[in-house]
PDB file of N, CA and C in Angstrom:
ATOM      1  N   UNK A   1      22.757 -15.618 -12.890  1.00  0.00           N
ATOM      2  CA  UNK A   1      21.760 -15.916 -11.399  1.00  0.00           C
ATOM      3  C   UNK A   1      20.169 -16.176 -11.470  1.00  0.00           C
ATOM      4  N   UNK A   2      19.443 -16.982 -11.257  1.00  0.00           N
ATOM      5  CA  UNK A   2      18.000 -17.749 -11.141  1.00  0.00           C
ATOM      6  C   UNK A   2      17.396 -16.453 -11.106  1.00  0.00           C
ATOM      7  N   UNK A   3      16.781 -16.437 -12.147  1.00  0.00           N
ATOM      8  CA  UNK A   3      15.421 -15.323 -12.324  1.00  0.00           C
ATOM      9  C   UNK A   3      14.233 -16.273 -11.788  1.00  0.00           C
ATOM     10  N   UNK A   4      13.559 -15.870 -10.700  1.00  0.00           N
ATOM     11  CA  UNK A   4      12.351 -17.027 -10.318  1.00  0.00           C
ATOM     12  C   UNK A   4      11.071 -15.922 -11.287  1.00  0.00           C
ATOM     13  N   UNK A   5      10.016 -16.997 -11.104  1.00  0.00           N
ATOM     14  CA  UNK A   5       8.694 -16.637 -12.148  1.00  0.00           C
ATOM     15  C   UNK A   5       8.373 -15.357 -11.069  1.00  0.00           C
ATOM     16  N   UNK A   6       7.309 -14.788 -11.916  1.00  0.00           N
ATOM     17  CA  UNK A   6       7.021 -13.682 -11.065  1.00  0.00           C
ATOM     18  C   UNK A   6       5.704 -14.062 -10.187  1.00  0.00           C
ATOM     19  N   UNK A   7       5.334 -15.295 -10.550  1.00  0.00           N
ATOM     20  CA  UNK A   7       4.236 -15.534  -9.119  1.00  0.00           C
ATOM     21  C   UNK A   7       5.102 -15.440  -7.630  1.00  0.00           C
ATOM     22  N   UNK A   8       6.151 -16.124  -7.990  1.00  0.00           N
ATOM     23  CA  UNK A   8       6.852 -16.588  -6.725  1.00  0.00           C
ATOM     24  C   UNK A   8       7.549 -14.861  -6.377  1.00  0.00           C
ATOM     25  N   UNK A   9       8.262 -13.851  -7.344  1.00  0.00           N
ATOM     26  CA  UNK A   9       8.640 -13.002  -6.553  1.00  0.00           C
ATOM     27  C   UNK A   9       7.056 -12.434  -5.998  1.00  0.00           C
ATOM     28  N   UNK A  10       6.001 -11.921  -6.224  1.00  0.00           N
ATOM     29  CA  UNK A  10       4.882 -11.597  -6.236  1.00  0.00           C
ATOM     30  C   UNK A  10       4.080 -12.346  -4.388  1.00  0.00           C
ATOM     31  N   UNK A  11       4.680 -13.677  -4.162  1.00  0.00           N
ATOM     32  CA  UNK A  11       3.988 -14.018  -3.590  1.00  0.00           C
ATOM     33  C   UNK A  11       5.172 -13.989  -2.563  1.00  0.00           C
ATOM     34  N   UNK A  12       6.522 -13.713  -2.293  1.00  0.00           N
ATOM     35  CA  UNK A  12       7.534 -13.474  -1.542  1.00  0.00           C
ATOM     36  C   UNK A  12       6.830 -11.878  -0.823  1.00  0.00           C
ATOM     37  N   UNK A  13       6.830 -11.234  -2.147  1.00  0.00           N
ATOM     38  CA  UNK A  13       6.622  -9.722  -1.077  1.00  0.00           C
ATOM     39  C   UNK A  13       5.654 -10.128  -0.343  1.00  0.00           C
ATOM     40  N   UNK A  14       4.660 -10.425  -1.087  1.00  0.00           N
ATOM     41  CA  UNK A  14       3.500 -10.358   0.158  1.00  0.00           C
ATOM     42  C   UNK A  14       3.549 -10.512   1.178  1.00  0.00           C
ATOM     43  N   UNK A  15       4.590 -11.875   1.492  1.00  0.00           N
ATOM     44  CA  UNK A  15       4.688 -12.657   2.490  1.00  0.00           C
ATOM     45  C   UNK A  15       5.780 -11.208   3.226  1.00  0.00           C
ATOM     46  N   UNK A  16       6.539 -10.973   3.326  1.00  0.00           N
ATOM     47  CA  UNK A  16       7.283  -9.688   3.639  1.00  0.00           C
ATOM     48  C   UNK A  16       6.580  -8.742   4.381  1.00  0.00           C
ATOM     49  N   UNK A  17       5.687  -8.576   3.466  1.00  0.00           N
ATOM     50  CA  UNK A  17       5.616  -7.331   3.994  1.00  0.00           C
ATOM     51  C   UNK A  17       4.125  -7.747   5.274  1.00  0.00           C
ATOM     52  N   UNK A  18       3.618  -8.995   4.667  1.00  0.00           N
ATOM     53  CA  UNK A  18       2.887  -9.112   5.749  1.00  0.00           C
ATOM     54  C   UNK A  18       3.306  -9.573   7.322  1.00  0.00           C
ATOM     55  N   UNK A  19       4.771 -10.118   7.049  1.00  0.00           N
ATOM     56  CA  UNK A  19       4.903 -10.527   8.430  1.00  0.00           C
ATOM     57  C   UNK A  19       5.917  -9.236   8.657  1.00  0.00           C
ATOM     58  N   UNK A  20       6.262  -7.951   8.018  1.00  0.00           N
ATOM     59  CA  UNK A  20       6.687  -6.728   8.966  1.00  0.00           C
ATOM     60  C   UNK A  20       5.473  -5.854   9.452  1.00  0.00           C
ATOM     61  N   UNK A  21       4.490  -6.115   8.588  1.00  0.00           N
ATOM     62  CA  UNK A  21       3.110  -5.072   9.177  1.00  0.00           C
ATOM     63  C   UNK A  21       2.506  -5.900  10.461  1.00  0.00           C
ATOM     64  N   UNK A  22       2.901  -7.064  10.147  1.00  0.00           N
ATOM     65  CA  UNK A  22       2.630  -7.987  12.024  1.00  0.00           C
ATOM     66  C   UNK A  22       3.701  -7.969  13.097  1.00  0.00           C
ATOM     67  N   UNK A  23       4.824  -7.846  12.591  1.00  0.00           N
ATOM     68  CA  UNK A  23       5.709  -7.595  13.804  1.00  0.00           C
ATOM     69  C   UNK A  23       5.865  -6.004  14.066  1.00  0.00           C
ATOM     70  N   UNK A  24       5.304  -4.681  13.311  1.00  0.00           N
ATOM     71  CA  UNK A  24       5.692  -3.221  13.468  1.00  0.00           C
ATOM     72  C   UNK A  24       3.780  -3.098  14.415  1.00  0.00           C
ATOM     73  N   UNK A  25       3.370  -4.671  14.400  1.00  0.00           N
ATOM     74  CA  UNK A  25       1.970  -4.112  15.479  1.00  0.00           C
ATOM     75  C   UNK A  25       0.702  -3.432  14.673  1.00  0.00           C
ATOM     76  N   UNK A  26       0.572  -3.771  12.496  1.00  0.00           N
ATOM     77  CA  UNK A  26      -0.166  -3.181  12.505  1.00  0.00           C
ATOM     78  C   UNK A  26      -1.383  -3.828  12.743  1.00  0.00           C
ATOM     79  N   UNK A  27      -2.338  -2.923  12.965  1.00  0.00           N
ATOM     80  CA  UNK A  27      -3.982  -3.751  13.613  1.00  0.00           C
ATOM     81  C   UNK A  27      -4.893  -3.665  11.804  1.00  0.00           C
ATOM     82  N   UNK A  28      -4.325  -3.915  10.836  1.00  0.00           N
ATOM     83  CA  UNK A  28      -4.607  -4.396   9.792  1.00  0.00           C
ATOM     84  C   UNK A  28      -3.476  -4.577   8.743  1.00  0.00           C
ATOM     85  N   UNK A  29      -2.902  -5.991   9.250  1.00  0.00           N
ATOM     86  CA  UNK A  29      -1.984  -6.169   8.604  1.00  0.00           C
ATOM     87  C   UNK A  29      -2.525  -6.983   6.855  1.00  0.00           C
ATOM     88  N   UNK A  30      -2.566  -7.318   6.058  1.00  0.00           N
ATOM     89  CA  UNK A  30      -2.335  -8.356   4.572  1.00  0.00           C
ATOM     90  C   UNK A  30      -3.081  -9.223   5.329  1.00  0.00           C
ATOM     91  N   UNK A  31      -3.434  -9.950   4.065  1.00  0.00           N
ATOM     92  CA  UNK A  31      -3.862 -11.315   5.060  1.00  0.00           C
ATOM     93  C   UNK A  31      -3.259 -12.280   4.091  1.00  0.00           C
ATOM     94  N   UNK A  32      -3.297 -13.788   4.712  1.00  0.00           N
ATOM     95  CA  UNK A  32      -2.046 -14.290   4.410  1.00  0.00           C
ATOM     96  C   UNK A  32      -1.771 -14.776   2.928  1.00  0.00           C
ATOM     97  N   UNK A  33      -3.400 -14.916   2.128  1.00  0.00           N
ATOM     98  CA  UNK A  33      -3.956 -14.971   0.798  1.00  0.00           C
ATOM     99  C   UNK A  33      -4.225 -13.665   0.368  1.00  0.00           C
ATOM    100  N   UNK A  34      -3.568 -12.949  -0.791  1.00  0.00           N
ATOM    101  CA  UNK A  34      -3.492 -12.169  -0.863  1.00  0.00           C
ATOM    102  C   UNK A  34      -4.722 -11.921  -2.387  1.00  0.00           C
ATOM    103  N   UNK A  35      -5.945 -10.745  -2.063  1.00  0.00           N
ATOM    104  CA  UNK A  35      -7.648 -10.587  -2.948  1.00  0.00           C
ATOM    105  C   UNK A  35      -6.767 -10.571  -3.962  1.00  0.00           C
ATOM    106  N   UNK A  36      -7.608 -10.532  -5.415  1.00  0.00           N
ATOM    107  CA  UNK A  36      -6.741 -10.762  -6.571  1.00  0.00           C
ATOM    108  C   UNK A  36      -6.181  -9.167  -7.076  1.00  0.00           C
ATOM    109  N   UNK A  37      -6.908  -7.984  -6.194  1.00  0.00           N
ATOM    110  CA  UNK A  37      -6.387  -6.699  -6.688  1.00  0.00           C
ATOM    111  C   UNK A  37      -5.382  -6.262  -5.917  1.00  0.00           C
ATOM    112  N   UNK A  38      -4.984  -7.104  -4.726  1.00  0.00           N
ATOM    113  CA  UNK A  38      -3.731  -7.119  -4.167  1.00  0.00           C
ATOM    114  C   UNK A  38      -2.532  -7.693  -4.904  1.00  0.00           C
ATOM    115  N   UNK A  39      -3.278  -8.814  -5.228  1.00  0.00           N
ATOM    116  CA  UNK A  39      -1.877  -9.112  -5.991  1.00  0.00           C
ATOM    117  C   UNK A  39      -1.770  -9.181  -7.247  1.00  0.00           C
ATOM    118  N   UNK A  40      -2.630  -8.572  -8.065  1.00  0.00           N
ATOM    119  CA  UNK A  40      -2.303  -7.280  -9.083  1.00  0.00           C
ATOM    120  C   UNK A  40      -1.613  -6.142  -8.472  1.00  0.00           C
ATOM    121  N   UNK A  41      -2.184  -5.724  -7.775  1.00  0.00           N
ATOM    122  CA  UNK A  41      -1.169  -4.452  -7.500  1.00  0.00           C
ATOM    123  C   UNK A  41       0.203  -4.704  -7.205  1.00  0.00           C
ATOM    124  N   UNK A  42       0.491  -5.970  -6.072  1.00  0.00           N
ATOM    125  CA  UNK A  42       1.953  -6.646  -5.975  1.00  0.00           C
ATOM    126  C   UNK A  42       2.685  -6.505  -7.139  1.00  0.00           C
ATOM    127  N   UNK A  43       2.225  -7.278  -7.981  1.00  0.00           N
ATOM    128  CA  UNK A  43       2.457  -7.509  -9.756  1.00  0.00           C
ATOM    129  C   UNK A  43       3.290  -6.010 -10.012  1.00  0.00           C
ATOM    130  N   UNK A  44       2.022  -5.066 -10.211  1.00  0.00           N
ATOM    131  CA  UNK A  44       2.540  -4.088 -10.934  1.00  0.00           C
ATOM    132  C   UNK A  44       3.492  -3.055 -10.548  1.00  0.00           C
ATOM    133  N   UNK A  45       3.091  -3.658  -9.105  1.00  0.00           N
ATOM    134  CA  UNK A  45       4.952  -3.102  -8.066  1.00  0.00           C
ATOM    135  C   UNK A  45       6.253  -3.812  -8.403  1.00  0.00           C
ATOM    136  N   UNK A  46       5.757  -4.222  -8.882  1.00  0.00           N
ATOM    137  CA  UNK A  46       7.395  -5.346  -9.118  1.00  0.00           C
ATOM    138  C   UNK A  46       7.812  -5.668  -9.991  1.00  0.00           C
ATOM    139  N   UNK A  47       6.923  -4.736 -11.416  1.00  0.00           N
ATOM    140  CA  UNK A  47       6.983  -5.029 -12.794  1.00  0.00           C
ATOM    141  C   UNK A  47       7.621  -3.391 -12.404  1.00  0.00           C
ATOM    142  N   UNK A  48       7.330  -2.077 -11.548  1.00  0.00           N
ATOM    143  CA  UNK A  48       7.878  -0.898 -12.094  1.00  0.00           C
ATOM    144  C   UNK A  48       9.245  -0.758 -10.795  1.00  0.00           C
ATOM    145  N   UNK A  49       9.512  -1.636 -10.386  1.00  0.00           N
ATOM    146  CA  UNK A  49      11.031  -1.903  -9.464  1.00  0.00           C
ATOM    147  C   UNK A  49      11.705  -2.622 -10.671  1.00  0.00           C
ATOM    148  N   UNK A  50      11.027  -3.384 -11.187  1.00  0.00           N
ATOM    149  CA  UNK A  50      11.909  -3.879 -12.868  1.00  0.00           C
ATOM    150  C   UNK A  50      11.755  -3.018 -13.886  1.00  0.00           C
ATOM    151  N   UNK A  51      11.272  -1.985 -13.932  1.00  0.00           N
ATOM    152  CA  UNK A  51      11.415  -1.233 -14.851  1.00  0.00           C
ATOM    153  C   UNK A  51      12.763   0.354 -13.938  1.00  0.00           C
ATOM    154  N   UNK A  52      13.049   0.390 -13.243  1.00  0.00           N
ATOM    155  CA  UNK A  52      13.640   1.061 -12.775  1.00  0.00           C
ATOM    156  C   UNK A  52      13.263   2.234 -11.365  1.00  0.00           C
ATOM    157  N   UNK A  53      11.800   1.630 -10.817  1.00  0.00           N
ATOM    158  CA  UNK A  53      11.511   2.645  -9.655  1.00  0.00           C
ATOM    159  C   UNK A  53      12.607   2.516  -8.716  1.00  0.00           C
ATOM    160  N   UNK A  54      12.228   3.499  -8.091  1.00  0.00           N
ATOM    161  CA  UNK A  54      13.046   3.526  -6.474  1.00  0.00           C
ATOM    162  C   UNK A  54      11.834   3.739  -5.409  1.00  0.00           C
ATOM    163  N   UNK A  55      12.245   2.764  -4.137  1.00  0.00           N
ATOM    164  CA  UNK A  55      11.325   2.834  -3.274  1.00  0.00           C
ATOM    165  C   UNK A  55      10.610   4.194  -2.854  1.00  0.00           C
ATOM    166  N   UNK A  56      11.222   5.245  -3.204  1.00  0.00           N
ATOM    167  CA  UNK A  56      10.141   6.285  -3.424  1.00  0.00           C
ATOM    168  C   UNK A  56       9.034   6.543  -4.341  1.00  0.00           C
ATOM    169  N   UNK A  57       9.645   5.987  -5.472  1.00  0.00           N
ATOM    170  CA  UNK A  57       8.927   5.651  -6.496  1.00  0.00           C
ATOM    171  C   UNK A  57       7.236   4.612  -6.197  1.00  0.00           C
ATOM    172  N   UNK A  58       8.049   3.514  -5.264  1.00  0.00           N
ATOM    173  CA  UNK A  58       6.536   2.414  -4.983  1.00  0.00           C
ATOM    174  C   UNK A  58       5.948   3.415  -4.283  1.00  0.00           C
ATOM    175  N   UNK A  59       6.451   4.122  -2.865  1.00  0.00           N
ATOM    176  CA  UNK A  59       5.956   5.039  -1.755  1.00  0.00           C
ATOM    177  C   UNK A  59       4.134   5.738  -2.580  1.00  0.00           C
ATOM    178  N   UNK A  60       4.871   6.223  -4.161  1.00  0.00           N
ATOM    179  CA  UNK A  60       4.575   7.985  -4.911  1.00  0.00           C
ATOM    180  C   UNK A  60       2.643   6.995  -5.342  1.00  0.00           C
ATOM    181  N   UNK A  61       3.603   5.395  -6.425  1.00  0.00           N
ATOM    182  CA  UNK A  61       2.669   4.541  -6.522  1.00  0.00           C
ATOM    183  C   UNK A  61       1.492   4.291  -6.025  1.00  0.00           C
ATOM    184  N   UNK A  62       1.665   3.905  -4.500  1.00  0.00           N
ATOM    185  CA  UNK A  62       1.013   3.549  -3.535  1.00  0.00           C
ATOM    186  C   UNK A  62      -0.084   4.227  -3.332  1.00  0.00           C
ATOM    187  N   UNK A  63       0.464   5.486  -2.877  1.00  0.00           N
ATOM    188  CA  UNK A  63      -0.343   6.611  -2.684  1.00  0.00           C
ATOM    189  C   UNK A  63      -1.948   7.095  -3.478  1.00  0.00           C
ATOM    190  N   UNK A  64      -1.159   6.815  -4.417  1.00  0.00           N
ATOM    191  CA  UNK A  64      -1.795   7.607  -5.653  1.00  0.00           C
ATOM    192  C   UNK A  64      -2.997   6.100  -6.282  1.00  0.00           C
ATOM    193  N   UNK A  65      -2.657   5.138  -6.231  1.00  0.00           N
ATOM    194  CA  UNK A  65      -3.374   3.769  -5.705  1.00  0.00           C
ATOM    195  C   UNK A  65      -4.612   3.853  -5.026  1.00  0.00           C
ATOM    196  N   UNK A  66      -4.494   4.433  -3.725  1.00  0.00           N
ATOM    197  CA  UNK A  66      -5.143   4.379  -2.374  1.00  0.00           C
ATOM    198  C   UNK A  66      -6.051   5.817  -2.725  1.00  0.00           C
ATOM    199  N   UNK A  67      -5.367   6.598  -2.775  1.00  0.00           N
ATOM    200  CA  UNK A  67      -6.358   7.999  -2.771  1.00  0.00           C
ATOM    201  C   UNK A  67      -7.307   8.055  -3.929  1.00  0.00           C
ATOM    202  N   UNK A  68      -6.752   7.171  -5.353  1.00  0.00           N
ATOM    203  CA  UNK A  68      -7.399   7.163  -6.536  1.00  0.00           C
ATOM    204  C   UNK A  68      -8.905   5.541  -6.047  1.00  0.00           C
ATOM    205  N   UNK A  69      -8.875   5.106  -4.415  1.00  0.00           N
ATOM    206  CA  UNK A  69      -9.420   4.467  -4.273  1.00  0.00           C
ATOM    207  C   UNK A  69     -10.726   4.957  -3.029  1.00  0.00           C
ATOM    208  N   UNK A  70     -10.101   6.108  -3.018  1.00  0.00           N
ATOM    209  CA  UNK A  70     -10.983   7.025  -2.213  1.00  0.00           C
ATOM    210  C   UNK A  70     -10.218   6.991  -0.692  1.00  0.00           C
ATOM    211  N   UNK A  71      -9.059   6.362  -0.010  1.00  0.00           N
ATOM    212  CA  UNK A  71      -8.733   6.461   0.885  1.00  0.00           C
ATOM    213  C   UNK A  71      -8.330   7.623   1.344  1.00  0.00           C
ATOM    214  N   UNK A  72      -7.842   8.397   2.339  1.00  0.00           N
ATOM    215  CA  UNK A  72      -7.197   9.773   2.724  1.00  0.00           C
ATOM    216  C   UNK A  72      -6.215   9.188   4.285  1.00  0.00           C
ATOM    217  N   UNK A  73      -5.942  10.876   4.539  1.00  0.00           N
ATOM    218  CA  UNK A  73      -4.836  10.622   5.443  1.00  0.00           C
ATOM    219  C   UNK A  73      -5.350  10.246   6.810  1.00  0.00           C
ATOM    220  N   UNK A  74      -5.246   9.573   7.748  1.00  0.00           N
ATOM    221  CA  UNK A  74      -5.709   9.366   9.095  1.00  0.00           C
ATOM    222  C   UNK A  74      -4.678   8.908   9.756  1.00  0.00           C
ATOM    223  N   UNK A  75      -5.271   9.662  11.226  1.00  0.00           N
ATOM    224  CA  UNK A  75      -4.340   9.469  12.135  1.00  0.00           C
ATOM    225  C   UNK A  75      -3.087   7.564  12.273  1.00  0.00           C
ATOM    226  N   UNK A  76      -4.489   6.482  11.864  1.00  0.00           N
ATOM    227  CA  UNK A  76      -4.603   5.313  12.119  1.00  0.00           C
ATOM    228  C   UNK A  76      -4.934   5.002  10.710  1.00  0.00           C
ATOM    229  N   UNK A  77      -4.135   3.925  10.392  1.00  0.00           N
ATOM    230  CA  UNK A  77      -5.210   3.313   9.695  1.00  0.00           C
ATOM    231  C   UNK A  77      -6.147   2.362  10.113  1.00  0.00           C
ATOM    232  N   UNK A  78      -7.339   2.400   8.927  1.00  0.00           N
ATOM    233  CA  UNK A  78      -8.744   1.540   9.387  1.00  0.00           C
ATOM    234  C   UNK A  78      -9.358   1.698   7.488  1.00  0.00           C
ATOM    235  N   UNK A  79      -9.313   1.039   7.087  1.00  0.00           N
ATOM    236  CA  UNK A  79      -9.671   0.390   6.064  1.00  0.00           C
ATOM    237  C   UNK A  79     -11.124   0.286   5.808  1.00  0.00           C
ATOM    238  N   UNK A  80     -12.159   0.358   6.938  1.00  0.00           N
ATOM    239  CA  UNK A  80     -13.401   0.784   6.774  1.00  0.00           C
ATOM    240  C   UNK A  80     -13.997   2.505   6.477  1.00  0.00           C
ATOM    241  N   UNK A  81     -12.842   3.071   7.251  1.00  0.00           N
ATOM    242  CA  UNK A  81     -13.008   4.139   6.952  1.00  0.00           C
ATOM    243  C   UNK A  81     -12.363   5.246   5.979  1.00  0.00           C
ATOM    244  N   UNK A  82     -11.444   3.898   5.625  1.00  0.00           N
ATOM    245  CA  UNK A  82     -10.551   4.534   4.534  1.00  0.00           C
ATOM    246  C   UNK A  82      -9.143   5.723   4.787  1.00  0.00           C
ATOM    247  N   UNK A  83      -8.899   5.553   5.811  1.00  0.00           N
ATOM    248  CA  UNK A  83      -7.648   5.920   6.544  1.00  0.00           C
ATOM    249  C   UNK A  83      -6.291   5.448   6.582  1.00  0.00           C
ATOM    250  N   UNK A  84      -5.820   6.335   6.146  1.00  0.00           N
ATOM    251  CA  UNK A  84      -4.316   5.615   6.211  1.00  0.00           C
ATOM    252  C   UNK A  84      -2.792   6.791   6.988  1.00  0.00           C
ATOM    253  N   UNK A  85      -2.150   5.919   7.984  1.00  0.00           N
ATOM    254  CA  UNK A  85      -1.189   7.462   8.599  1.00  0.00           C
ATOM    255  C   UNK A  85       0.296   7.133   7.418  1.00  0.00           C
ATOM    256  N   UNK A  86      -0.175   6.784   6.331  1.00  0.00           N
ATOM    257  CA  UNK A  86       1.187   6.867   5.526  1.00  0.00           C
ATOM    258  C   UNK A  86       0.459   7.406   3.901  1.00  0.00           C
ATOM    259  N   UNK A  87       0.005   7.973   3.840  1.00  0.00           N
ATOM    260  CA  UNK A  87      -0.751   9.079   2.913  1.00  0.00           C
ATOM    261  C   UNK A  87       0.324  10.082   3.062  1.00  0.00           C
ATOM    262  N   UNK A  88       1.129  10.212   2.548  1.00  0.00           N
ATOM    263  CA  UNK A  88       2.484  11.183   3.775  1.00  0.00           C
ATOM    264  C   UNK A  88       3.308  11.093   2.353  1.00  0.00           C
ATOM    265  N   UNK A  89       3.937  12.114   2.215  1.00  0.00           N
ATOM    266  CA  UNK A  89       5.367  12.060   1.346  1.00  0.00           C
ATOM    267  C   UNK A  89       6.678  11.336   1.727  1.00  0.00           C
ATOM    268  N   UNK A  90       7.220  10.271   0.849  1.00  0.00           N
ATOM    269  CA  UNK A  90       7.861   9.695   1.726  1.00  0.00           C
ATOM    270  C   UNK A  90       8.864   9.859   2.391  1.00  0.00           C
ATOM    271  N   UNK A  91       9.178  11.150   2.343  1.00  0.00           N
ATOM    272  CA  UNK A  91       9.973  12.021   3.356  1.00  0.00           C
ATOM    273  C   UNK A  91       9.415  12.140   4.422  1.00  0.00           C
ATOM    274  N   UNK A  92       8.303  12.263   4.387  1.00  0.00           N
ATOM    275  CA  UNK A  92       7.655  12.432   5.892  1.00  0.00           C
ATOM    276  C   UNK A  92       7.214  10.936   6.901  1.00  0.00           C
ATOM    277  N   UNK A  93       8.065   9.401   5.788  1.00  0.00           N
ATOM    278  CA  UNK A  93       6.702   8.410   5.958  1.00  0.00           C
ATOM    279  C   UNK A  93       8.443   8.471   7.689  1.00  0.00           C
ATOM    280  N   UNK A  94       7.528   6.989   8.541  1.00  0.00           N
ATOM    281  CA  UNK A  94       8.280   6.879   9.441  1.00  0.00           C
ATOM    282  C   UNK A  94       9.671   5.996   9.006  1.00  0.00           C
ATOM    283  N   UNK A  95      10.605   5.823  10.505  1.00  0.00           N
ATOM    284  CA  UNK A  95      11.499   5.253   9.263  1.00  0.00           C
ATOM    285  C   UNK A  95      11.833   3.542   8.898  1.00  0.00           C
ATOM    286  N   UNK A  96      10.633   2.990   9.772  1.00  0.00           N
ATOM    287  CA  UNK A  96      10.372   1.525   9.309  1.00  0.00           C
ATOM    288  C   UNK A  96       9.373   1.244   8.118  1.00  0.00           C
ATOM    289  N   UNK A  97       7.959   2.397   7.904  1.00  0.00           N
ATOM    290  CA  UNK A  97       7.743   2.595   6.271  1.00  0.00           C
ATOM    291  C   UNK A  97       8.131   2.620   5.102  1.00  0.00           C
ATOM    292  N   UNK A  98       9.604   3.267   5.335  1.00  0.00           N
ATOM    293  CA  UNK A  98      10.845   3.562   4.206  1.00  0.00           C
ATOM    294  C   UNK A  98      11.229   2.419   4.195  1.00  0.00           C
ATOM    295  N   UNK A  99      11.682   1.831   5.201  1.00  0.00           N
ATOM    296  CA  UNK A  99      12.695   0.367   5.285  1.00  0.00           C
ATOM    297  C   UNK A  99      11.504  -1.279   4.404  1.00  0.00           C
ATOM    298  N   UNK A 100      10.154  -0.853   5.048  1.00  0.00           N
ATOM    299  CA  UNK A 100       9.525  -1.562   4.213  1.00  0.00           C
ATOM    300  C   UNK A 100       9.336  -1.646   2.808  1.00  0.00           C
ATOM    301  N   UNK A 101       9.227  -0.216   2.537  1.00  0.00           N
ATOM    302  CA  UNK A 101       9.416  -0.065   0.675  1.00  0.00           C
ATOM    303  C   UNK A 101      10.882  -0.232   0.185  1.00  0.00           C
ATOM    304  N   UNK A 102      11.607  -0.751   1.230  1.00  0.00           N
ATOM    305  CA  UNK A 102      13.103  -0.958   0.983  1.00  0.00           C
ATOM    306  C   UNK A 102      13.395  -2.361   0.574  1.00  0.00           C
ATOM    307  N   UNK A 103      12.427  -3.047   1.885  1.00  0.00           N
ATOM    308  CA  UNK A 103      12.652  -4.699   1.466  1.00  0.00           C
ATOM    309  C   UNK A 103      12.236  -4.671   0.544  1.00  0.00           C
ATOM    310  N   UNK A 104      10.862  -4.530  -0.317  1.00  0.00           N
ATOM    311  CA  UNK A 104      10.440  -4.457  -1.025  1.00  0.00           C
ATOM    312  C   UNK A 104      11.037  -4.670  -2.335  1.00  0.00           C
ATOM    313  N   UNK A 105      11.819  -3.565  -2.425  1.00  0.00           N
ATOM    314  CA  UNK A 105      12.465  -3.269  -3.570  1.00  0.00           C
ATOM    315  C   UNK A 105      13.832  -4.045  -3.912  1.00  0.00           C
ATOM    316  N   UNK A 106      14.307  -4.553  -2.851  1.00  0.00           N
ATOM    317  CA  UNK A 106      15.808  -4.998  -2.600  1.00  0.00           C
ATOM    318  C   UNK A 106      14.607  -7.010  -2.709  1.00  0.00           C
ATOM    319  N   UNK A 107      14.111  -7.616  -2.639  1.00  0.00           N
ATOM    320  CA  UNK A 107      13.050  -8.374  -2.749  1.00  0.00           C
ATOM    321  C   UNK A 107      13.224  -8.576  -4.384  1.00  0.00           C
ATOM    322  N   UNK A 108      12.575  -8.413  -4.668  1.00  0.00           N
ATOM    323  CA  UNK A 108      12.309  -8.031  -6.259  1.00  0.00           C
ATOM    324  C   UNK A 108      13.490  -7.451  -6.897  1.00  0.00           C
ATOM    325  N   UNK A 109      14.245  -7.017  -6.643  1.00  0.00           N
ATOM    326  CA  UNK A 109      15.652  -7.198  -6.936  1.00  0.00           C
ATOM    327  C   UNK A 109      16.349  -8.482  -7.118  1.00  0.00           C
ATOM    328  N   UNK A 110      16.375  -8.891  -5.447  1.00  0.00           N
ATOM    329  CA  UNK A 110      17.568  -9.815  -5.404  1.00  0.00           C
ATOM    330  C   UNK A 110      16.650 -11.181  -6.255  1.00  0.00           C
ATOM    331  N   UNK A 111      15.152 -11.184  -6.243  1.00  0.00           N
ATOM    332  CA  UNK A 111      14.711 -12.607  -6.967  1.00  0.00           C
ATOM    333  C   UNK A 111      14.146 -12.056  -8.867  1.00  0.00           C
ATOM    334  N   UNK A 112      14.813 -11.402  -9.126  1.00  0.00           N
ATOM    335  CA  UNK A 112      13.680 -10.924 -10.581  1.00  0.00           C
ATOM    336  C   UNK A 112      14.563  -9.957 -11.718  1.00  0.00           C
ATOM    337  N   UNK A 113      15.460  -9.514 -10.849  1.00  0.00           N
ATOM    338  CA  UNK A 113      16.408  -8.699 -11.167  1.00  0.00           C
ATOM    339  C   UNK A 113      17.455  -9.358 -11.748  1.00  0.00           C
ATOM    340  N   UNK A 114      18.308  -7.821 -12.968  1.00  0.00           N
ATOM    341  CA  UNK A 114      19.160  -8.554 -13.290  1.00  0.00           C
ATOM    342  C   UNK A 114      20.258  -8.471 -12.917  1.00  0.00           C
TER     343      UNK A 114
END
């Protein structure tokens, strides 16, 4: 099996996440080119998957990251107000959001996993 470099895995994960956000009508999708902090966060998530994290674990880590950055639950995503409707337990996420976490996980396993 070919294992792709971390830079490639991070880029594919970011692009897939952005594409899914756009397809789902997210009013604030990730930018085409990730900011340094986004790239670092994505790489950290890739490493978590490689260490055995589940999609639920990824969501929990994302929530912690957002909360530590001052975000809180809100009915709509708003980066200015720092509110996000996905700041809920994994089991309370809409199916589309759980699938987004599963897609990220699957991409990492396909490109960088054993």
